Amino acid sequence: APIDPTPVHHVLNDLEMNRMKELGHAFVAAMG
């Protein structure tokens, strides 16, 4: 699928979105 963050919000619940954000922050901090 095209990379568009909007559809992800429709697929994931709040807990899953929070975990995705946590992963994103962890990886970005380490890969910075």
PDB file of all heavy atoms in Angstrom:
ATOM      1  N   ALA A   1       0.846  -1.195   0.000  1.00  0.00           N
ATOM      2  CA  ALA A   1       0.000   0.000   0.000  1.00  0.00           C
ATOM      3  C   ALA A   1       0.876   1.237   0.000  1.00  0.00           C
ATOM      4  O   ALA A   1       2.021   1.206   0.436  1.00  0.00           O
ATOM      5  CB  ALA A   1      -0.889  -0.013   1.240  1.00  0.00           C
ATOM      6  N   PRO A   2       0.321   2.364  -0.477  1.00  0.00           N
ATOM      7  CA  PRO A   2       1.081   3.606  -0.413  1.00  0.00           C
ATOM      8  C   PRO A   2       1.383   3.965   1.041  1.00  0.00           C
ATOM      9  O   PRO A   2       0.598   3.663   1.933  1.00  0.00           O
ATOM     10  CB  PRO A   2       0.153   4.650  -1.031  1.00  0.00           C
ATOM     11  CG  PRO A   2      -1.040   3.932  -1.522  1.00  0.00           C
ATOM     12  CD  PRO A   2      -0.981   2.517  -1.054  1.00  0.00           C
ATOM     13  N   ILE A   3       2.529   4.590   1.270  1.00  0.00           N
ATOM     14  CA  ILE A   3       2.907   4.964   2.628  1.00  0.00           C
ATOM     15  C   ILE A   3       2.150   6.228   2.990  1.00  0.00           C
ATOM     16  O   ILE A   3       2.486   7.326   2.571  1.00  0.00           O
ATOM     17  CB  ILE A   3       4.432   5.168   2.745  1.00  0.00           C
ATOM     18  CG1 ILE A   3       5.143   3.878   2.394  1.00  0.00           C
ATOM     19  CG2 ILE A   3       4.804   5.640   4.148  1.00  0.00           C
ATOM     20  CD1 ILE A   3       6.639   3.982   2.349  1.00  0.00           C
ATOM     21  N   ASP A   4       1.084   6.031   3.774  1.00  0.00           N
ATOM     22  CA  ASP A   4       0.226   7.118   4.206  1.00  0.00           C
ATOM     23  C   ASP A   4      -0.202   6.798   5.631  1.00  0.00           C
ATOM     24  O   ASP A   4      -0.821   5.768   5.870  1.00  0.00           O
ATOM     25  CB  ASP A   4      -0.992   7.213   3.283  1.00  0.00           C
ATOM     26  CG  ASP A   4      -1.956   8.304   3.690  1.00  0.00           C
ATOM     27  OD1 ASP A   4      -1.623   9.093   4.596  1.00  0.00           O
ATOM     28  OD2 ASP A   4      -3.038   8.357   3.104  1.00  0.00           O
ATOM     29  N   PRO A   5       0.128   7.646   6.612  1.00  0.00           N
ATOM     30  CA  PRO A   5      -0.171   7.314   8.001  1.00  0.00           C
ATOM     31  C   PRO A   5      -1.665   7.289   8.321  1.00  0.00           C
ATOM     32  O   PRO A   5      -2.080   6.683   9.294  1.00  0.00           O
ATOM     33  CB  PRO A   5       0.533   8.412   8.787  1.00  0.00           C
ATOM     34  CG  PRO A   5       0.731   9.526   7.841  1.00  0.00           C
ATOM     35  CD  PRO A   5       0.811   8.912   6.462  1.00  0.00           C
ATOM     36  N   THR A   6      -2.509   7.898   7.532  1.00  0.00           N
ATOM     37  CA  THR A   6      -3.935   7.956   7.833  1.00  0.00           C
ATOM     38  C   THR A   6      -4.589   6.583   7.918  1.00  0.00           C
ATOM     39  O   THR A   6      -5.290   6.313   8.884  1.00  0.00           O
ATOM     40  CB  THR A   6      -4.669   8.843   6.801  1.00  0.00           C
ATOM     41  OG1 THR A   6      -3.987  10.085   6.723  1.00  0.00           O
ATOM     42  CG2 THR A   6      -6.102   9.053   7.198  1.00  0.00           C
ATOM     43  N   PRO A   7      -4.384   5.658   6.964  1.00  0.00           N
ATOM     44  CA  PRO A   7      -5.048   4.363   7.077  1.00  0.00           C
ATOM     45  C   PRO A   7      -4.659   3.581   8.317  1.00  0.00           C
ATOM     46  O   PRO A   7      -5.464   2.827   8.832  1.00  0.00           O
ATOM     47  CB  PRO A   7      -4.621   3.609   5.817  1.00  0.00           C
ATOM     48  CG  PRO A   7      -4.179   4.654   4.861  1.00  0.00           C
ATOM     49  CD  PRO A   7      -3.678   5.789   5.701  1.00  0.00           C
ATOM     50  N   VAL A   8      -3.439   3.760   8.824  1.00  0.00           N
ATOM     51  CA  VAL A   8      -2.999   3.028  10.003  1.00  0.00           C
ATOM     52  C   VAL A   8      -3.902   3.343  11.189  1.00  0.00           C
ATOM     53  O   VAL A   8      -4.238   2.478  11.979  1.00  0.00           O
ATOM     54  CB  VAL A   8      -1.522   3.347  10.334  1.00  0.00           C
ATOM     55  CG1 VAL A   8      -1.104   2.722  11.645  1.00  0.00           C
ATOM     56  CG2 VAL A   8      -0.633   2.882   9.206  1.00  0.00           C
ATOM     57  N   HIS A   9      -4.347   4.590  11.311  1.00  0.00           N
ATOM     58  CA  HIS A   9      -5.202   4.977  12.418  1.00  0.00           C
ATOM     59  C   HIS A   9      -6.534   4.229  12.387  1.00  0.00           C
ATOM     60  O   HIS A   9      -7.149   4.015  13.418  1.00  0.00           O
ATOM     61  CB  HIS A   9      -5.457   6.491  12.412  1.00  0.00           C
ATOM     62  CG  HIS A   9      -4.212   7.285  12.649  1.00  0.00           C
ATOM     63  ND1 HIS A   9      -3.589   7.342  13.877  1.00  0.00           N
ATOM     64  CD2 HIS A   9      -3.460   8.033  11.817  1.00  0.00           C
ATOM     65  CE1 HIS A   9      -2.520   8.102  13.794  1.00  0.00           C
ATOM     66  NE2 HIS A   9      -2.415   8.537  12.552  1.00  0.00           N
ATOM     67  N   HIS A  10      -6.978   3.850  11.210  1.00  0.00           N
ATOM     68  CA  HIS A  10      -8.240   3.124  11.084  1.00  0.00           C
ATOM     69  C   HIS A  10      -8.068   1.639  11.392  1.00  0.00           C
ATOM     70  O   HIS A  10      -9.040   0.965  11.689  1.00  0.00           O
ATOM     71  CB  HIS A  10      -8.815   3.283   9.669  1.00  0.00           C
ATOM     72  CG  HIS A  10      -9.126   4.705   9.327  1.00  0.00           C
ATOM     73  ND1 HIS A  10     -10.067   5.439   9.993  1.00  0.00           N
ATOM     74  CD2 HIS A  10      -8.595   5.525   8.392  1.00  0.00           C
ATOM     75  CE1 HIS A  10     -10.121   6.661   9.478  1.00  0.00           C
ATOM     76  NE2 HIS A  10      -9.230   6.737   8.512  1.00  0.00           N
ATOM     77  N   VAL A  11      -6.862   1.134  11.312  1.00  0.00           N
ATOM     78  CA  VAL A  11      -6.604  -0.287  11.496  1.00  0.00           C
ATOM     79  C   VAL A  11      -6.208  -0.606  12.942  1.00  0.00           C
ATOM     80  O   VAL A  11      -6.577  -1.644  13.465  1.00  0.00           O
ATOM     81  CB  VAL A  11      -5.490  -0.754  10.529  1.00  0.00           C
ATOM     82  CG1 VAL A  11      -5.140  -2.203  10.756  1.00  0.00           C
ATOM     83  CG2 VAL A  11      -5.910  -0.515   9.091  1.00  0.00           C
ATOM     84  N   LEU A  12      -5.462   0.271  13.588  1.00  0.00           N
ATOM     85  CA  LEU A  12      -4.937   0.010  14.921  1.00  0.00           C
ATOM     86  C   LEU A  12      -5.775   0.690  16.004  1.00  0.00           C
ATOM     87  O   LEU A  12      -6.253   1.798  15.812  1.00  0.00           O
ATOM     88  CB  LEU A  12      -3.494   0.509  15.022  1.00  0.00           C
ATOM     89  CG  LEU A  12      -2.498  -0.069  14.018  1.00  0.00           C
ATOM     90  CD1 LEU A  12      -1.131   0.569  14.210  1.00  0.00           C
ATOM     91  CD2 LEU A  12      -2.406  -1.578  14.144  1.00  0.00           C
ATOM     92  N   ASN A  13      -5.891   0.027  17.157  1.00  0.00           N
ATOM     93  CA  ASN A  13      -6.575   0.652  18.285  1.00  0.00           C
ATOM     94  C   ASN A  13      -5.583   1.555  19.024  1.00  0.00           C
ATOM     95  O   ASN A  13      -4.400   1.631  18.669  1.00  0.00           O
ATOM     96  CB  ASN A  13      -7.207  -0.402  19.201  1.00  0.00           C
ATOM     97  CG  ASN A  13      -6.185  -1.314  19.851  1.00  0.00           C
ATOM     98  OD1 ASN A  13      -5.077  -0.891  20.205  1.00  0.00           O
ATOM     99  ND2 ASN A  13      -6.547  -2.587  20.008  1.00  0.00           N
ATOM    100  N   ASP A  14      -6.047   2.224  20.086  1.00  0.00           N
ATOM    101  CA  ASP A  14      -5.203   3.185  20.804  1.00  0.00           C
ATOM    102  C   ASP A  14      -3.964   2.534  21.413  1.00  0.00           C
ATOM    103  O   ASP A  14      -2.867   3.087  21.349  1.00  0.00           O
ATOM    104  CB  ASP A  14      -6.008   3.891  21.902  1.00  0.00           C
ATOM    105  CG  ASP A  14      -7.020   4.874  21.335  1.00  0.00           C
ATOM    106  OD1 ASP A  14      -6.860   5.289  20.163  1.00  0.00           O
ATOM    107  OD2 ASP A  14      -7.955   5.236  22.075  1.00  0.00           O
ATOM    108  N   LEU A  15      -4.133   1.348  22.019  1.00  0.00           N
ATOM    109  CA  LEU A  15      -2.997   0.650  22.619  1.00  0.00           C
ATOM    110  C   LEU A  15      -1.955   0.315  21.555  1.00  0.00           C
ATOM    111  O   LEU A  15      -0.750   0.535  21.747  1.00  0.00           O
ATOM    112  CB  LEU A  15      -3.457  -0.627  23.326  1.00  0.00           C
ATOM    113  CG  LEU A  15      -2.356  -1.500  23.923  1.00  0.00           C
ATOM    114  CD1 LEU A  15      -1.567  -0.755  24.996  1.00  0.00           C
ATOM    115  CD2 LEU A  15      -2.944  -2.787  24.496  1.00  0.00           C
ATOM    116  N   GLU A  16      -2.413  -0.186  20.412  1.00  0.00           N
ATOM    117  CA  GLU A  16      -1.490  -0.538  19.326  1.00  0.00           C
ATOM    118  C   GLU A  16      -0.802   0.714  18.769  1.00  0.00           C
ATOM    119  O   GLU A  16       0.405   0.685  18.480  1.00  0.00           O
ATOM    120  CB  GLU A  16      -2.246  -1.270  18.221  1.00  0.00           C
ATOM    121  CG  GLU A  16      -2.746  -2.635  18.658  1.00  0.00           C
ATOM    122  CD  GLU A  16      -3.771  -3.236  17.713  1.00  0.00           C
ATOM    123  OE1 GLU A  16      -4.480  -2.475  17.009  1.00  0.00           O
ATOM    124  OE2 GLU A  16      -3.875  -4.475  17.682  1.00  0.00           O
ATOM    125  N   MET A  17      -1.542   1.800  18.643  1.00  0.00           N
ATOM    126  CA  MET A  17      -0.928   3.045  18.149  1.00  0.00           C
ATOM    127  C   MET A  17       0.132   3.540  19.130  1.00  0.00           C
ATOM    128  O   MET A  17       1.206   3.996  18.715  1.00  0.00           O
ATOM    129  CB  MET A  17      -1.988   4.127  17.943  1.00  0.00           C
ATOM    130  CG  MET A  17      -2.799   3.964  16.666  1.00  0.00           C
ATOM    131  SD  MET A  17      -1.790   3.922  15.159  1.00  0.00           S
ATOM    132  CE  MET A  17      -1.044   5.533  15.182  1.00  0.00           C
ATOM    133  N   ASN A  18      -0.156   3.440  20.427  1.00  0.00           N
ATOM    134  CA  ASN A  18       0.834   3.857  21.428  1.00  0.00           C
ATOM    135  C   ASN A  18       2.084   2.995  21.363  1.00  0.00           C
ATOM    136  O   ASN A  18       3.200   3.491  21.498  1.00  0.00           O
ATOM    137  CB  ASN A  18       0.231   3.828  22.832  1.00  0.00           C
ATOM    138  CG  ASN A  18      -0.749   4.958  23.052  1.00  0.00           C
ATOM    139  OD1 ASN A  18      -0.668   6.001  22.402  1.00  0.00           O
ATOM    140  ND2 ASN A  18      -1.694   4.760  23.963  1.00  0.00           N
ATOM    141  N   ARG A  19       1.907   1.712  21.157  1.00  0.00           N
ATOM    142  CA  ARG A  19       3.073   0.826  21.037  1.00  0.00           C
ATOM    143  C   ARG A  19       3.866   1.140  19.770  1.00  0.00           C
ATOM    144  O   ARG A  19       5.093   1.090  19.774  1.00  0.00           O
ATOM    145  CB  ARG A  19       2.640  -0.632  21.066  1.00  0.00           C
ATOM    146  CG  ARG A  19       2.189  -1.018  22.466  1.00  0.00           C
ATOM    147  CD  ARG A  19       2.241  -2.472  22.696  1.00  0.00           C
ATOM    148  NE  ARG A  19       1.943  -2.757  24.088  1.00  0.00           N
ATOM    149  CZ  ARG A  19       1.387  -3.874  24.495  1.00  0.00           C
ATOM    150  NH1 ARG A  19       1.085  -4.813  23.621  1.00  0.00           N
ATOM    151  NH2 ARG A  19       1.151  -4.069  25.759  1.00  0.00           N
ATOM    152  N   MET A  20       3.173   1.458  18.678  1.00  0.00           N
ATOM    153  CA  MET A  20       3.868   1.843  17.439  1.00  0.00           C
ATOM    154  C   MET A  20       4.681   3.119  17.669  1.00  0.00           C
ATOM    155  O   MET A  20       5.823   3.225  17.219  1.00  0.00           O
ATOM    156  CB  MET A  20       2.874   2.051  16.295  1.00  0.00           C
ATOM    157  CG  MET A  20       2.286   0.778  15.738  1.00  0.00           C
ATOM    158  SD  MET A  20       3.517  -0.277  14.939  1.00  0.00           S
ATOM    159  CE  MET A  20       3.983   0.748  13.558  1.00  0.00           C
ATOM    160  N   LYS A  21       4.101   4.076  18.377  1.00  0.00           N
ATOM    161  CA  LYS A  21       4.820   5.322  18.679  1.00  0.00           C
ATOM    162  C   LYS A  21       6.035   5.035  19.558  1.00  0.00           C
ATOM    163  O   LYS A  21       7.105   5.599  19.341  1.00  0.00           O
ATOM    164  CB  LYS A  21       3.892   6.316  19.377  1.00  0.00           C
ATOM    165  CG  LYS A  21       2.859   6.916  18.457  1.00  0.00           C
ATOM    166  CD  LYS A  21       1.918   7.837  19.216  1.00  0.00           C
ATOM    167  CE  LYS A  21       0.799   8.313  18.314  1.00  0.00           C
ATOM    168  NZ  LYS A  21      -0.200   9.104  19.053  1.00  0.00           N
ATOM    169  N   GLU A  22       5.858   4.151  20.558  1.00  0.00           N
ATOM    170  CA  GLU A  22       6.966   3.779  21.431  1.00  0.00           C
ATOM    171  C   GLU A  22       8.107   3.167  20.619  1.00  0.00           C
ATOM    172  O   GLU A  22       9.276   3.528  20.798  1.00  0.00           O
ATOM    173  CB  GLU A  22       6.488   2.784  22.496  1.00  0.00           C
ATOM    174  CG  GLU A  22       7.595   2.299  23.407  1.00  0.00           C
ATOM    175  CD  GLU A  22       7.164   1.162  24.326  1.00  0.00           C
ATOM    176  OE1 GLU A  22       5.974   0.781  24.334  1.00  0.00           O
ATOM    177  OE2 GLU A  22       8.044   0.637  25.016  1.00  0.00           O
ATOM    178  N   LEU A  23       7.771   2.257  19.717  1.00  0.00           N
ATOM    179  CA  LEU A  23       8.798   1.641  18.867  1.00  0.00           C
ATOM    180  C   LEU A  23       9.480   2.684  18.002  1.00  0.00           C
ATOM    181  O   LEU A  23      10.704   2.689  17.860  1.00  0.00           O
ATOM    182  CB  LEU A  23       8.193   0.557  17.975  1.00  0.00           C
ATOM    183  CG  LEU A  23       7.713  -0.706  18.659  1.00  0.00           C
ATOM    184  CD1 LEU A  23       7.078  -1.639  17.633  1.00  0.00           C
ATOM    185  CD2 LEU A  23       8.853  -1.395  19.372  1.00  0.00           C
ATOM    186  N   GLY A  24       8.681   3.555  17.412  1.00  0.00           N
ATOM    187  CA  GLY A  24       9.240   4.609  16.562  1.00  0.00           C
ATOM    188  C   GLY A  24      10.221   5.476  17.322  1.00  0.00           C
ATOM    189  O   GLY A  24      11.319   5.760  16.844  1.00  0.00           O
ATOM    190  N   HIS A  25       9.840   5.892  18.542  1.00  0.00           N
ATOM    191  CA  HIS A  25      10.728   6.734  19.356  1.00  0.00           C
ATOM    192  C   HIS A  25      11.998   5.976  19.752  1.00  0.00           C
ATOM    193  O   HIS A  25      13.088   6.538  19.722  1.00  0.00           O
ATOM    194  CB  HIS A  25      10.005   7.229  20.610  1.00  0.00           C
ATOM    195  CG  HIS A  25       8.922   8.218  20.331  1.00  0.00           C
ATOM    196  ND1 HIS A  25       9.138   9.408  19.670  1.00  0.00           N
ATOM    197  CD2 HIS A  25       7.598   8.182  20.608  1.00  0.00           C
ATOM    198  CE1 HIS A  25       8.007  10.065  19.551  1.00  0.00           C
ATOM    199  NE2 HIS A  25       7.042   9.335  20.114  1.00  0.00           N
ATOM    200  N   ALA A  26      11.843   4.711  20.115  1.00  0.00           N
ATOM    201  CA  ALA A  26      13.015   3.911  20.519  1.00  0.00           C
ATOM    202  C   ALA A  26      13.989   3.765  19.359  1.00  0.00           C
ATOM    203  O   ALA A  26      15.193   3.965  19.525  1.00  0.00           O
ATOM    204  CB  ALA A  26      12.574   2.542  21.029  1.00  0.00           C
ATOM    205  N   PHE A  27      13.473   3.438  18.174  1.00  0.00           N
ATOM    206  CA  PHE A  27      14.351   3.237  17.024  1.00  0.00           C
ATOM    207  C   PHE A  27      14.951   4.547  16.540  1.00  0.00           C
ATOM    208  O   PHE A  27      16.122   4.596  16.197  1.00  0.00           O
ATOM    209  CB  PHE A  27      13.608   2.541  15.881  1.00  0.00           C
ATOM    210  CG  PHE A  27      13.507   1.055  16.062  1.00  0.00           C
ATOM    211  CD1 PHE A  27      12.352   0.485  16.570  1.00  0.00           C
ATOM    212  CD2 PHE A  27      14.557   0.225  15.745  1.00  0.00           C
ATOM    213  CE1 PHE A  27      12.253  -0.882  16.754  1.00  0.00           C
ATOM    214  CE2 PHE A  27      14.478  -1.145  15.918  1.00  0.00           C
ATOM    215  CZ  PHE A  27      13.316  -1.703  16.429  1.00  0.00           C
ATOM    216  N   VAL A  28      14.167   5.609  16.535  1.00  0.00           N
ATOM    217  CA  VAL A  28      14.687   6.903  16.082  1.00  0.00           C
ATOM    218  C   VAL A  28      15.786   7.385  17.014  1.00  0.00           C
ATOM    219  O   VAL A  28      16.828   7.855  16.564  1.00  0.00           O
ATOM    220  CB  VAL A  28      13.554   7.950  15.983  1.00  0.00           C
ATOM    221  CG1 VAL A  28      14.101   9.353  15.844  1.00  0.00           C
ATOM    222  CG2 VAL A  28      12.659   7.630  14.800  1.00  0.00           C
ATOM    223  N   ALA A  29      15.583   7.243  18.319  1.00  0.00           N
ATOM    224  CA  ALA A  29      16.607   7.684  19.281  1.00  0.00           C
ATOM    225  C   ALA A  29      17.899   6.910  19.087  1.00  0.00           C
ATOM    226  O   ALA A  29      18.992   7.477  19.096  1.00  0.00           O
ATOM    227  CB  ALA A  29      16.092   7.505  20.709  1.00  0.00           C
ATOM    228  N   ALA A  30      17.794   5.611  18.862  1.00  0.00           N
ATOM    229  CA  ALA A  30      18.997   4.786  18.705  1.00  0.00           C
ATOM    230  C   ALA A  30      19.645   4.992  17.347  1.00  0.00           C
ATOM    231  O   ALA A  30      20.856   4.907  17.219  1.00  0.00           O
ATOM    232  CB  ALA A  30      18.654   3.312  18.900  1.00  0.00           C
ATOM    233  N   MET A  31      18.848   5.254  16.329  1.00  0.00           N
ATOM    234  CA  MET A  31      19.389   5.387  14.981  1.00  0.00           C
ATOM    235  C   MET A  31      19.753   6.828  14.643  1.00  0.00           C
ATOM    236  O   MET A  31      20.277   7.097  13.584  1.00  0.00           O
ATOM    237  CB  MET A  31      18.388   4.878  13.941  1.00  0.00           C
ATOM    238  CG  MET A  31      18.049   3.422  14.095  1.00  0.00           C
ATOM    239  SD  MET A  31      19.535   2.398  14.045  1.00  0.00           S
ATOM    240  CE  MET A  31      18.943   0.934  14.826  1.00  0.00           C
ATOM    241  N   GLY A  32      19.484   7.762  15.563  1.00  0.00           N
ATOM    242  CA  GLY A  32      19.789   9.159  15.303  1.00  0.00           C
ATOM    243  C   GLY A  32      21.269   9.415  15.113  1.00  0.00           C
ATOM    244  O   GLY A  32      21.676  10.291  14.377  1.00  0.00           O
TER     245      GLY A  32
END
